[in-house]
Amino acid sequence: MRLRAEGVRALAVDLLPRRRLAGKGTGVLSDLKEVVREQIAYRELMFRMTQRDLMLRYKQTMMGVGWAVVMPVVNTAIFSIIFTRVAPLDTGVPYPLFAYSGLLAWNFFASSLRFAATSLTSNSTLVTKIFFPREVLPISAVMVTLVDTVIGFGVLALMMAYYRTPVTPAILLLPLVVAVEFIFTCAVSLVLAMANLFYRDIKYLLEFVIAIWMFATSVVYPVERIDGRLGVLLHFNPMVPIVDAFRSVVVGGRVPDLSSFGVVALVSILALAVAWVGFHRAELQFAENI
């Protein structure tokens, strides 16, 4: 593993001449062009970092990648007992399918935020001694969690077979749904990684926010059942259309609400652009605050 880490560092150094110092642009458009050029130049570093983080996450664990599906399965069992026997819900599909599909989409988002928040501080040597796009670190954390989600999708496929849930043409929209969630997750991850670098208590506050955010999203129950002002407020949560769209195309067999999902897709793209530019402009302060 030490040799692998040194290989990542050597690759970053090798790509150093391609790197233009942050803050040299004259505007947002210039910054965006610079960001795109850097990501193309550093795509190999991105994949190498993702590979390293995957190996580190499951090193010396008994279950290995099995941990990617254990918690969603356990949570599905718990919520299934609650919402099928204690407080039954009409979800349109078997509740275990409803819960697991929602948890699968949600855990990708939540786990990405947890790992991305500390991605800069846990790689302090790279951040302080080597010039490279620091956004590689939080985004590689998101990519690692995406691999976990792909593994968890295998369990969802088995559950669909057990409940005899057919696969419909709507599933062809799944890559689009995942892409929108990936974009939104990257936007939030960049902000959190940067914020945690300047304020180290962000990572502790994050757990509280994730817990509240989960129950404000249609993960284990349909949020449309909530009326009044709270119901209206919950529909401003970008993760609601994303989780609903994921569940619709996979287990619901229908096309998601294109109006709400389209708005979230546009918001996600704009949020990523703003977060990326802000992150890029703050890079010069990272080394002195790490």
C-alpha atoms as a PDB file:
ATOM      1  CA  MET A   1       0.000   0.000   0.000  1.00  0.00           C
ATOM      2  CA  ARG A   2       2.890   2.319   0.706  1.00  0.00           C
ATOM      3  CA  LEU A   3       4.211   1.723  -2.806  1.00  0.00           C
ATOM      4  CA  ARG A   4       0.768   2.425  -4.220  1.00  0.00           C
ATOM      5  CA  ALA A   5       0.540   5.726  -2.324  1.00  0.00           C
ATOM      6  CA  GLU A   6       3.977   6.671  -3.605  1.00  0.00           C
ATOM      7  CA  GLY A   7       2.782   5.845  -7.121  1.00  0.00           C
ATOM      8  CA  VAL A   8      -0.141   8.239  -6.744  1.00  0.00           C
ATOM      9  CA  ARG A   9       2.224  10.954  -5.502  1.00  0.00           C
ATOM     10  CA  ALA A  10       4.622  10.319  -8.373  1.00  0.00           C
ATOM     11  CA  LEU A  11       1.793  10.552 -10.882  1.00  0.00           C
ATOM     12  CA  ALA A  12       0.704  13.898  -9.455  1.00  0.00           C
ATOM     13  CA  VAL A  13       4.258  15.210  -9.672  1.00  0.00           C
ATOM     14  CA  ASP A  14       4.581  13.967 -13.240  1.00  0.00           C
ATOM     15  CA  LEU A  15       1.467  15.924 -14.201  1.00  0.00           C
ATOM     16  CA  LEU A  16       2.623  19.060 -12.396  1.00  0.00           C
ATOM     17  CA  PRO A  17       3.819  20.995 -15.485  1.00  0.00           C
ATOM     18  CA  ARG A  18       0.290  20.866 -16.873  1.00  0.00           C
ATOM     19  CA  ARG A  19      -1.109  22.645 -13.815  1.00  0.00           C
ATOM     20  CA  ARG A  20      -1.790  26.364 -13.966  1.00  0.00           C
ATOM     21  CA  LEU A  21      -1.880  28.184 -10.638  1.00  0.00           C
ATOM     22  CA  ALA A  22      -5.367  28.749  -9.280  1.00  0.00           C
ATOM     23  CA  GLY A  23      -6.707  32.261  -9.249  1.00  0.00           C
ATOM     24  CA  LYS A  24      -4.910  33.355 -12.390  1.00  0.00           C
ATOM     25  CA  GLY A  25      -8.130  33.528 -14.453  1.00  0.00           C
ATOM     26  CA  THR A  26     -10.003  36.769 -14.979  1.00  0.00           C
ATOM     27  CA  GLY A  27     -13.547  35.527 -14.424  1.00  0.00           C
ATOM     28  CA  VAL A  28     -15.951  32.651 -13.864  1.00  0.00           C
ATOM     29  CA  LEU A  29     -15.835  31.543 -17.510  1.00  0.00           C
ATOM     30  CA  SER A  30     -12.043  31.462 -17.419  1.00  0.00           C
ATOM     31  CA  ASP A  31     -12.142  29.443 -14.207  1.00  0.00           C
ATOM     32  CA  LEU A  32     -14.585  26.940 -15.695  1.00  0.00           C
ATOM     33  CA  LYS A  33     -12.393  26.452 -18.781  1.00  0.00           C
ATOM     34  CA  GLU A  34      -9.364  25.936 -16.546  1.00  0.00           C
ATOM     35  CA  VAL A  35     -11.242  23.404 -14.419  1.00  0.00           C
ATOM     36  CA  VAL A  36     -12.267  21.383 -17.496  1.00  0.00           C
ATOM     37  CA  ARG A  37      -8.678  21.363 -18.846  1.00  0.00           C
ATOM     38  CA  GLU A  38      -7.325  20.224 -15.490  1.00  0.00           C
ATOM     39  CA  GLN A  39      -9.813  17.375 -15.116  1.00  0.00           C
ATOM     40  CA  ILE A  40      -8.931  16.050 -18.563  1.00  0.00           C
ATOM     41  CA  ALA A  41      -5.223  16.204 -17.743  1.00  0.00           C
ATOM     42  CA  TYR A  42      -5.666  14.592 -14.326  1.00  0.00           C
ATOM     43  CA  ARG A  43      -8.226  11.894 -15.160  1.00  0.00           C
ATOM     44  CA  GLU A  44      -5.591   9.175 -14.651  1.00  0.00           C
ATOM     45  CA  LEU A  45      -4.808  10.557 -11.208  1.00  0.00           C
ATOM     46  CA  MET A  46      -8.538  10.522 -10.428  1.00  0.00           C
ATOM     47  CA  PHE A  47      -8.823   6.820 -11.268  1.00  0.00           C
ATOM     48  CA  ARG A  48      -5.636   6.010  -9.354  1.00  0.00           C
ATOM     49  CA  MET A  49      -6.930   7.792  -6.252  1.00  0.00           C
ATOM     50  CA  THR A  50     -10.246   5.970  -6.525  1.00  0.00           C
ATOM     51  CA  GLN A  51      -8.444   2.631  -6.742  1.00  0.00           C
ATOM     52  CA  ARG A  52      -6.298   3.497  -3.734  1.00  0.00           C
ATOM     53  CA  ASP A  53      -9.300   4.553  -1.628  1.00  0.00           C
ATOM     54  CA  LEU A  54     -11.177   1.369  -2.524  1.00  0.00           C
ATOM     55  CA  MET A  55      -8.295  -0.805  -1.352  1.00  0.00           C
ATOM     56  CA  LEU A  56      -7.824   1.214   1.833  1.00  0.00           C
ATOM     57  CA  ARG A  57     -11.520   1.057   2.722  1.00  0.00           C
ATOM     58  CA  TYR A  58     -11.724  -2.736   2.630  1.00  0.00           C
ATOM     59  CA  LYS A  59      -8.184  -3.587   3.716  1.00  0.00           C
ATOM     60  CA  GLN A  60      -8.061  -6.066   6.615  1.00  0.00           C
ATOM     61  CA  THR A  61     -11.845  -6.487   6.791  1.00  0.00           C
ATOM     62  CA  MET A  62     -13.451  -9.898   7.099  1.00  0.00           C
ATOM     63  CA  MET A  63     -16.362  -9.178   4.754  1.00  0.00           C
ATOM     64  CA  GLY A  64     -14.575  -6.896   2.295  1.00  0.00           C
ATOM     65  CA  VAL A  65     -16.981  -5.333  -0.190  1.00  0.00           C
ATOM     66  CA  GLY A  66     -19.784  -7.210   1.577  1.00  0.00           C
ATOM     67  CA  TRP A  67     -20.032  -4.227   3.918  1.00  0.00           C
ATOM     68  CA  ALA A  68     -21.445  -2.264   0.978  1.00  0.00           C
ATOM     69  CA  VAL A  69     -24.701  -4.233   1.270  1.00  0.00           C
ATOM     70  CA  VAL A  70     -24.871  -5.185   4.959  1.00  0.00           C
ATOM     71  CA  MET A  71     -26.188  -1.877   6.333  1.00  0.00           C
ATOM     72  CA  PRO A  72     -28.828  -1.302   3.622  1.00  0.00           C
ATOM     73  CA  VAL A  73     -30.094  -4.853   4.123  1.00  0.00           C
ATOM     74  CA  VAL A  74     -30.200  -4.489   7.933  1.00  0.00           C
ATOM     75  CA  ASN A  75     -31.943  -1.110   7.727  1.00  0.00           C
ATOM     76  CA  THR A  76     -34.418  -2.517   5.209  1.00  0.00           C
ATOM     77  CA  ALA A  77     -35.282  -5.334   7.622  1.00  0.00           C
ATOM     78  CA  ILE A  78     -35.791  -2.884  10.503  1.00  0.00           C
ATOM     79  CA  PHE A  79     -37.958  -0.455   8.549  1.00  0.00           C
ATOM     80  CA  SER A  80     -39.910  -3.340   7.018  1.00  0.00           C
ATOM     81  CA  ILE A  81     -40.926  -4.534  10.478  1.00  0.00           C
ATOM     82  CA  ILE A  82     -41.968  -1.014  11.480  1.00  0.00           C
ATOM     83  CA  PHE A  83     -43.876  -0.056   8.341  1.00  0.00           C
ATOM     84  CA  THR A  84     -45.507  -3.425   7.598  1.00  0.00           C
ATOM     85  CA  ARG A  85     -46.540  -4.513  11.094  1.00  0.00           C
ATOM     86  CA  VAL A  86     -46.454  -1.536  13.461  1.00  0.00           C
ATOM     87  CA  ALA A  87     -47.535   1.266  11.103  1.00  0.00           C
ATOM     88  CA  PRO A  88     -48.401  -0.240   7.703  1.00  0.00           C
ATOM     89  CA  LEU A  89     -47.851   1.900   4.611  1.00  0.00           C
ATOM     90  CA  ASP A  90     -49.281   1.552   1.126  1.00  0.00           C
ATOM     91  CA  THR A  91     -46.233   2.028  -1.108  1.00  0.00           C
ATOM     92  CA  GLY A  92     -47.468   0.476  -4.366  1.00  0.00           C
ATOM     93  CA  VAL A  93     -44.658  -2.102  -4.371  1.00  0.00           C
ATOM     94  CA  PRO A  94     -43.593  -4.619  -1.688  1.00  0.00           C
ATOM     95  CA  TYR A  95     -42.270  -2.516   1.158  1.00  0.00           C
ATOM     96  CA  PRO A  96     -38.828  -4.219   1.353  1.00  0.00           C
ATOM     97  CA  LEU A  97     -38.310  -3.248  -2.301  1.00  0.00           C
ATOM     98  CA  PHE A  98     -39.506   0.280  -1.596  1.00  0.00           C
ATOM     99  CA  ALA A  99     -37.183   0.674   1.388  1.00  0.00           C
ATOM    100  CA  TYR A 100     -34.091  -0.981  -0.067  1.00  0.00           C
ATOM    101  CA  SER A 101     -34.253   0.941  -3.353  1.00  0.00           C
ATOM    102  CA  GLY A 102     -34.604   4.204  -1.429  1.00  0.00           C
ATOM    103  CA  LEU A 103     -31.780   3.306   0.941  1.00  0.00           C
ATOM    104  CA  LEU A 104     -29.539   2.313  -1.960  1.00  0.00           C
ATOM    105  CA  ALA A 105     -29.959   5.709  -3.616  1.00  0.00           C
ATOM    106  CA  TRP A 106     -29.698   7.544  -0.295  1.00  0.00           C
ATOM    107  CA  ASN A 107     -26.630   5.692   1.000  1.00  0.00           C
ATOM    108  CA  PHE A 108     -24.717   6.631  -2.137  1.00  0.00           C
ATOM    109  CA  PHE A 109     -25.355  10.281  -1.327  1.00  0.00           C
ATOM    110  CA  ALA A 110     -24.828  10.076   2.439  1.00  0.00           C
ATOM    111  CA  SER A 111     -21.707   7.880   2.338  1.00  0.00           C
ATOM    112  CA  SER A 112     -20.157  10.108  -0.311  1.00  0.00           C
ATOM    113  CA  LEU A 113     -20.599  13.154   1.920  1.00  0.00           C
ATOM    114  CA  ARG A 114     -19.034  11.383   4.901  1.00  0.00           C
ATOM    115  CA  PHE A 115     -15.903  10.368   3.017  1.00  0.00           C
ATOM    116  CA  ALA A 116     -15.630  13.538   0.938  1.00  0.00           C
ATOM    117  CA  ALA A 117     -15.864  15.832   3.978  1.00  0.00           C
ATOM    118  CA  THR A 118     -12.513  14.583   5.315  1.00  0.00           C
ATOM    119  CA  SER A 119     -10.870  13.913   1.947  1.00  0.00           C
ATOM    120  CA  LEU A 120      -8.653  17.015   2.090  1.00  0.00           C
ATOM    121  CA  THR A 121      -7.634  16.795   5.743  1.00  0.00           C
ATOM    122  CA  SER A 122      -6.857  13.062   5.499  1.00  0.00           C
ATOM    123  CA  ASN A 123      -4.554  13.696   2.521  1.00  0.00           C
ATOM    124  CA  SER A 124      -2.672  16.607   4.045  1.00  0.00           C
ATOM    125  CA  THR A 125       0.686  15.564   2.571  1.00  0.00           C
ATOM    126  CA  LEU A 126      -0.621  15.673  -0.977  1.00  0.00           C
ATOM    127  CA  VAL A 127      -2.484  18.937  -0.411  1.00  0.00           C
ATOM    128  CA  THR A 128       0.449  20.806   1.116  1.00  0.00           C
ATOM    129  CA  LYS A 129       3.342  19.513  -0.985  1.00  0.00           C
ATOM    130  CA  ILE A 130       1.999  18.807  -4.480  1.00  0.00           C
ATOM    131  CA  PHE A 131       0.169  21.018  -6.943  1.00  0.00           C
ATOM    132  CA  PHE A 132      -2.808  19.258  -8.491  1.00  0.00           C
ATOM    133  CA  PRO A 133      -6.567  19.937  -8.644  1.00  0.00           C
ATOM    134  CA  ARG A 134      -7.615  19.289  -5.060  1.00  0.00           C
ATOM    135  CA  GLU A 135     -11.162  18.539  -6.206  1.00  0.00           C
ATOM    136  CA  VAL A 136      -9.768  15.184  -7.308  1.00  0.00           C
ATOM    137  CA  LEU A 137      -9.869  14.104  -3.647  1.00  0.00           C
ATOM    138  CA  PRO A 138     -13.560  14.642  -2.790  1.00  0.00           C
ATOM    139  CA  ILE A 139     -14.696  13.480  -6.221  1.00  0.00           C
ATOM    140  CA  SER A 140     -12.670  10.275  -5.939  1.00  0.00           C
ATOM    141  CA  ALA A 141     -14.468   9.675  -2.621  1.00  0.00           C
ATOM    142  CA  VAL A 142     -17.776   9.948  -4.484  1.00  0.00           C
ATOM    143  CA  MET A 143     -16.563   7.534  -7.153  1.00  0.00           C
ATOM    144  CA  VAL A 144     -15.589   4.976  -4.506  1.00  0.00           C
ATOM    145  CA  THR A 145     -19.087   5.124  -3.043  1.00  0.00           C
ATOM    146  CA  LEU A 146     -20.529   4.736  -6.527  1.00  0.00           C
ATOM    147  CA  VAL A 147     -18.702   1.391  -6.745  1.00  0.00           C
ATOM    148  CA  ASP A 148     -20.350   0.371  -3.460  1.00  0.00           C
ATOM    149  CA  THR A 149     -23.740   1.309  -4.923  1.00  0.00           C
ATOM    150  CA  VAL A 150     -23.157  -0.862  -7.981  1.00  0.00           C
ATOM    151  CA  ILE A 151     -22.418  -3.786  -5.655  1.00  0.00           C
ATOM    152  CA  GLY A 152     -25.570  -3.077  -3.660  1.00  0.00           C
ATOM    153  CA  PHE A 153     -27.591  -3.030  -6.857  1.00  0.00           C
ATOM    154  CA  GLY A 154     -26.950  -6.758  -7.183  1.00  0.00           C
ATOM    155  CA  VAL A 155     -28.943  -7.362  -3.987  1.00  0.00           C
ATOM    156  CA  LEU A 156     -31.753  -5.191  -5.342  1.00  0.00           C
ATOM    157  CA  ALA A 157     -31.844  -7.342  -8.489  1.00  0.00           C
ATOM    158  CA  LEU A 158     -32.193 -10.479  -6.349  1.00  0.00           C
ATOM    159  CA  MET A 159     -35.003  -8.878  -4.342  1.00  0.00           C
ATOM    160  CA  MET A 160     -36.812  -7.925  -7.551  1.00  0.00           C
ATOM    161  CA  ALA A 161     -36.564 -11.519  -8.730  1.00  0.00           C
ATOM    162  CA  TYR A 162     -37.891 -12.779  -5.385  1.00  0.00           C
ATOM    163  CA  TYR A 163     -40.916 -10.455  -5.486  1.00  0.00           C
ATOM    164  CA  ARG A 164     -41.354 -11.089  -9.219  1.00  0.00           C
ATOM    165  CA  THR A 165     -41.037  -7.421 -10.037  1.00  0.00           C
ATOM    166  CA  PRO A 166     -40.585  -7.063 -13.798  1.00  0.00           C
ATOM    167  CA  VAL A 167     -37.890  -4.960 -15.424  1.00  0.00           C
ATOM    168  CA  THR A 168     -39.552  -2.400 -17.698  1.00  0.00           C
ATOM    169  CA  PRO A 169     -38.188  -0.075 -20.414  1.00  0.00           C
ATOM    170  CA  ALA A 170     -38.227   2.707 -17.802  1.00  0.00           C
ATOM    171  CA  ILE A 171     -34.972   1.299 -16.422  1.00  0.00           C
ATOM    172  CA  LEU A 172     -33.217   2.717 -19.483  1.00  0.00           C
ATOM    173  CA  LEU A 173     -33.473   6.076 -17.695  1.00  0.00           C
ATOM    174  CA  LEU A 174     -31.430   4.756 -14.749  1.00  0.00           C
ATOM    175  CA  PRO A 175     -28.055   6.071 -16.060  1.00  0.00           C
ATOM    176  CA  LEU A 176     -29.600   9.553 -16.341  1.00  0.00           C
ATOM    177  CA  VAL A 177     -30.939   9.387 -12.779  1.00  0.00           C
ATOM    178  CA  VAL A 178     -27.584   8.173 -11.436  1.00  0.00           C
ATOM    179  CA  ALA A 179     -25.767  10.895 -13.386  1.00  0.00           C
ATOM    180  CA  VAL A 180     -27.938  13.631 -11.864  1.00  0.00           C
ATOM    181  CA  GLU A 181     -27.418  12.234  -8.363  1.00  0.00           C
ATOM    182  CA  PHE A 182     -23.680  11.975  -9.005  1.00  0.00           C
ATOM    183  CA  ILE A 183     -23.555  15.625 -10.109  1.00  0.00           C
ATOM    184  CA  PHE A 184     -25.535  16.844  -7.108  1.00  0.00           C
ATOM    185  CA  THR A 185     -23.455  14.701  -4.741  1.00  0.00           C
ATOM    186  CA  CYS A 186     -20.204  16.080  -6.178  1.00  0.00           C
ATOM    187  CA  ALA A 187     -21.472  19.637  -5.708  1.00  0.00           C
ATOM    188  CA  VAL A 188     -22.302  19.099  -2.036  1.00  0.00           C
ATOM    189  CA  SER A 189     -19.098  17.100  -1.486  1.00  0.00           C
ATOM    190  CA  LEU A 190     -16.885  19.903  -2.803  1.00  0.00           C
ATOM    191  CA  VAL A 191     -18.541  22.400  -0.468  1.00  0.00           C
ATOM    192  CA  LEU A 192     -18.243  20.081   2.535  1.00  0.00           C
ATOM    193  CA  ALA A 193     -14.597  19.200   1.865  1.00  0.00           C
ATOM    194  CA  MET A 194     -13.723  22.877   1.619  1.00  0.00           C
ATOM    195  CA  ALA A 195     -15.796  23.826   4.678  1.00  0.00           C
ATOM    196  CA  ASN A 196     -14.301  21.049   6.809  1.00  0.00           C
ATOM    197  CA  LEU A 197     -10.822  22.281   5.956  1.00  0.00           C
ATOM    198  CA  PHE A 198     -11.559  25.695   7.462  1.00  0.00           C
ATOM    199  CA  TYR A 199     -13.940  24.550  10.225  1.00  0.00           C
ATOM    200  CA  ARG A 200     -13.067  21.098  11.560  1.00  0.00           C
ATOM    201  CA  ASP A 201     -16.337  20.655  13.457  1.00  0.00           C
ATOM    202  CA  ILE A 202     -18.202  20.335  10.144  1.00  0.00           C
ATOM    203  CA  LYS A 203     -17.611  16.569  10.107  1.00  0.00           C
ATOM    204  CA  TYR A 204     -19.365  16.238  13.487  1.00  0.00           C
ATOM    205  CA  LEU A 205     -22.293  18.415  12.459  1.00  0.00           C
ATOM    206  CA  LEU A 206     -22.587  16.423   9.227  1.00  0.00           C
ATOM    207  CA  GLU A 207     -23.878  13.277  10.959  1.00  0.00           C
ATOM    208  CA  PHE A 208     -26.731  15.252  12.503  1.00  0.00           C
ATOM    209  CA  VAL A 209     -27.574  16.884   9.175  1.00  0.00           C
ATOM    210  CA  ILE A 210     -27.530  13.552   7.311  1.00  0.00           C
ATOM    211  CA  ALA A 211     -29.910  11.970   9.846  1.00  0.00           C
ATOM    212  CA  ILE A 212     -32.395  14.839   9.539  1.00  0.00           C
ATOM    213  CA  TRP A 213     -31.980  15.001   5.755  1.00  0.00           C
ATOM    214  CA  MET A 214     -32.737  11.286   5.393  1.00  0.00           C
ATOM    215  CA  PHE A 215     -36.132  11.592   7.091  1.00  0.00           C
ATOM    216  CA  ALA A 216     -36.841  14.702   5.015  1.00  0.00           C
ATOM    217  CA  THR A 217     -36.390  12.542   1.907  1.00  0.00           C
ATOM    218  CA  SER A 218     -38.678   9.802   0.601  1.00  0.00           C
ATOM    219  CA  VAL A 219     -36.257   7.048   1.588  1.00  0.00           C
ATOM    220  CA  VAL A 220     -38.401   4.835   3.835  1.00  0.00           C
ATOM    221  CA  TYR A 221     -41.801   6.489   3.394  1.00  0.00           C
ATOM    222  CA  PRO A 222     -43.525   8.540   0.651  1.00  0.00           C
ATOM    223  CA  VAL A 223     -43.150  12.240   1.448  1.00  0.00           C
ATOM    224  CA  GLU A 224     -46.275  13.053  -0.562  1.00  0.00           C
ATOM    225  CA  ARG A 225     -48.235  11.693   2.401  1.00  0.00           C
ATOM    226  CA  ILE A 226     -47.159  14.717   4.420  1.00  0.00           C
ATOM    227  CA  ASP A 227     -49.562  17.627   4.045  1.00  0.00           C
ATOM    228  CA  GLY A 228     -49.451  21.266   5.044  1.00  0.00           C
ATOM    229  CA  ARG A 229     -46.487  23.598   5.118  1.00  0.00           C
ATOM    230  CA  LEU A 230     -44.069  20.824   6.070  1.00  0.00           C
ATOM    231  CA  GLY A 231     -45.090  18.836   3.006  1.00  0.00           C
ATOM    232  CA  VAL A 232     -44.529  21.850   0.761  1.00  0.00           C
ATOM    233  CA  LEU A 233     -41.154  22.482   2.390  1.00  0.00           C
ATOM    234  CA  LEU A 234     -40.039  18.881   1.879  1.00  0.00           C
ATOM    235  CA  HIS A 235     -40.630  19.180  -1.851  1.00  0.00           C
ATOM    236  CA  PHE A 236     -37.851  21.775  -2.005  1.00  0.00           C
ATOM    237  CA  ASN A 237     -35.431  19.027  -0.958  1.00  0.00           C
ATOM    238  CA  PRO A 238     -33.439  18.130  -4.121  1.00  0.00           C
ATOM    239  CA  MET A 239     -32.987  14.542  -2.952  1.00  0.00           C
ATOM    240  CA  VAL A 240     -36.741  13.861  -2.993  1.00  0.00           C
ATOM    241  CA  PRO A 241     -37.100  13.869  -6.818  1.00  0.00           C
ATOM    242  CA  ILE A 242     -33.800  12.015  -7.177  1.00  0.00           C
ATOM    243  CA  VAL A 243     -34.739   9.151  -4.827  1.00  0.00           C
ATOM    244  CA  ASP A 244     -38.270   9.018  -6.246  1.00  0.00           C
ATOM    245  CA  ALA A 245     -36.885   8.884  -9.793  1.00  0.00           C
ATOM    246  CA  PHE A 246     -34.450   6.088  -8.875  1.00  0.00           C
ATOM    247  CA  ARG A 247     -37.241   4.060  -7.310  1.00  0.00           C
ATOM    248  CA  SER A 248     -39.642   4.749 -10.189  1.00  0.00           C
ATOM    249  CA  VAL A 249     -37.375   3.561 -12.987  1.00  0.00           C
ATOM    250  CA  VAL A 250     -36.038   0.505 -11.135  1.00  0.00           C
ATOM    251  CA  VAL A 251     -38.866  -1.029  -9.098  1.00  0.00           C
ATOM    252  CA  GLY A 252     -41.830   1.146 -10.058  1.00  0.00           C
ATOM    253  CA  GLY A 253     -41.585   0.467 -13.760  1.00  0.00           C
ATOM    254  CA  ARG A 254     -42.574   3.992 -14.721  1.00  0.00           C
ATOM    255  CA  VAL A 255     -41.032   7.206 -15.979  1.00  0.00           C
ATOM    256  CA  PRO A 256     -40.390   9.684 -13.128  1.00  0.00           C
ATOM    257  CA  ASP A 257     -42.028  13.073 -12.863  1.00  0.00           C
ATOM    258  CA  LEU A 258     -40.050  14.869 -15.558  1.00  0.00           C
ATOM    259  CA  SER A 259     -40.946  18.368 -14.372  1.00  0.00           C
ATOM    260  CA  SER A 260     -39.565  18.025 -10.826  1.00  0.00           C
ATOM    261  CA  PHE A 261     -36.684  15.809 -11.933  1.00  0.00           C
ATOM    262  CA  GLY A 262     -35.769  18.228 -14.726  1.00  0.00           C
ATOM    263  CA  VAL A 263     -35.640  21.121 -12.266  1.00  0.00           C
ATOM    264  CA  VAL A 264     -33.386  19.128  -9.922  1.00  0.00           C
ATOM    265  CA  ALA A 265     -31.112  18.175 -12.832  1.00  0.00           C
ATOM    266  CA  LEU A 266     -30.703  21.839 -13.780  1.00  0.00           C
ATOM    267  CA  VAL A 267     -30.138  22.865 -10.164  1.00  0.00           C
ATOM    268  CA  SER A 268     -27.541  20.097  -9.756  1.00  0.00           C
ATOM    269  CA  ILE A 269     -25.559  21.250 -12.787  1.00  0.00           C
ATOM    270  CA  LEU A 270     -25.602  24.876 -11.645  1.00  0.00           C
ATOM    271  CA  ALA A 271     -24.678  23.863  -8.086  1.00  0.00           C
ATOM    272  CA  LEU A 272     -21.708  21.832  -9.337  1.00  0.00           C
ATOM    273  CA  ALA A 273     -20.464  24.711 -11.488  1.00  0.00           C
ATOM    274  CA  VAL A 274     -20.683  27.170  -8.593  1.00  0.00           C
ATOM    275  CA  ALA A 275     -19.143  24.745  -6.086  1.00  0.00           C
ATOM    276  CA  TRP A 276     -16.317  23.837  -8.457  1.00  0.00           C
ATOM    277  CA  VAL A 277     -15.417  27.459  -9.191  1.00  0.00           C
ATOM    278  CA  GLY A 278     -15.576  28.367  -5.490  1.00  0.00           C
ATOM    279  CA  PHE A 279     -13.431  25.367  -4.588  1.00  0.00           C
ATOM    280  CA  HIS A 280     -10.939  26.209  -7.340  1.00  0.00           C
ATOM    281  CA  ARG A 281     -10.579  29.825  -6.180  1.00  0.00           C
ATOM    282  CA  ALA A 282     -10.079  28.805  -2.536  1.00  0.00           C
ATOM    283  CA  GLU A 283      -7.287  26.319  -3.320  1.00  0.00           C
ATOM    284  CA  LEU A 284      -4.486  28.777  -2.552  1.00  0.00           C
ATOM    285  CA  GLN A 285      -5.651  28.909   1.089  1.00  0.00           C
ATOM    286  CA  PHE A 286      -5.823  25.154   1.604  1.00  0.00           C
ATOM    287  CA  ALA A 287      -2.182  24.530   2.470  1.00  0.00           C
ATOM    288  CA  GLU A 288      -2.075  27.143   5.211  1.00  0.00           C
ATOM    289  CA  ASN A 289      -5.315  25.927   6.829  1.00  0.00           C
ATOM    290  CA  ILE A 290      -4.813  22.169   6.725  1.00  0.00           C
END
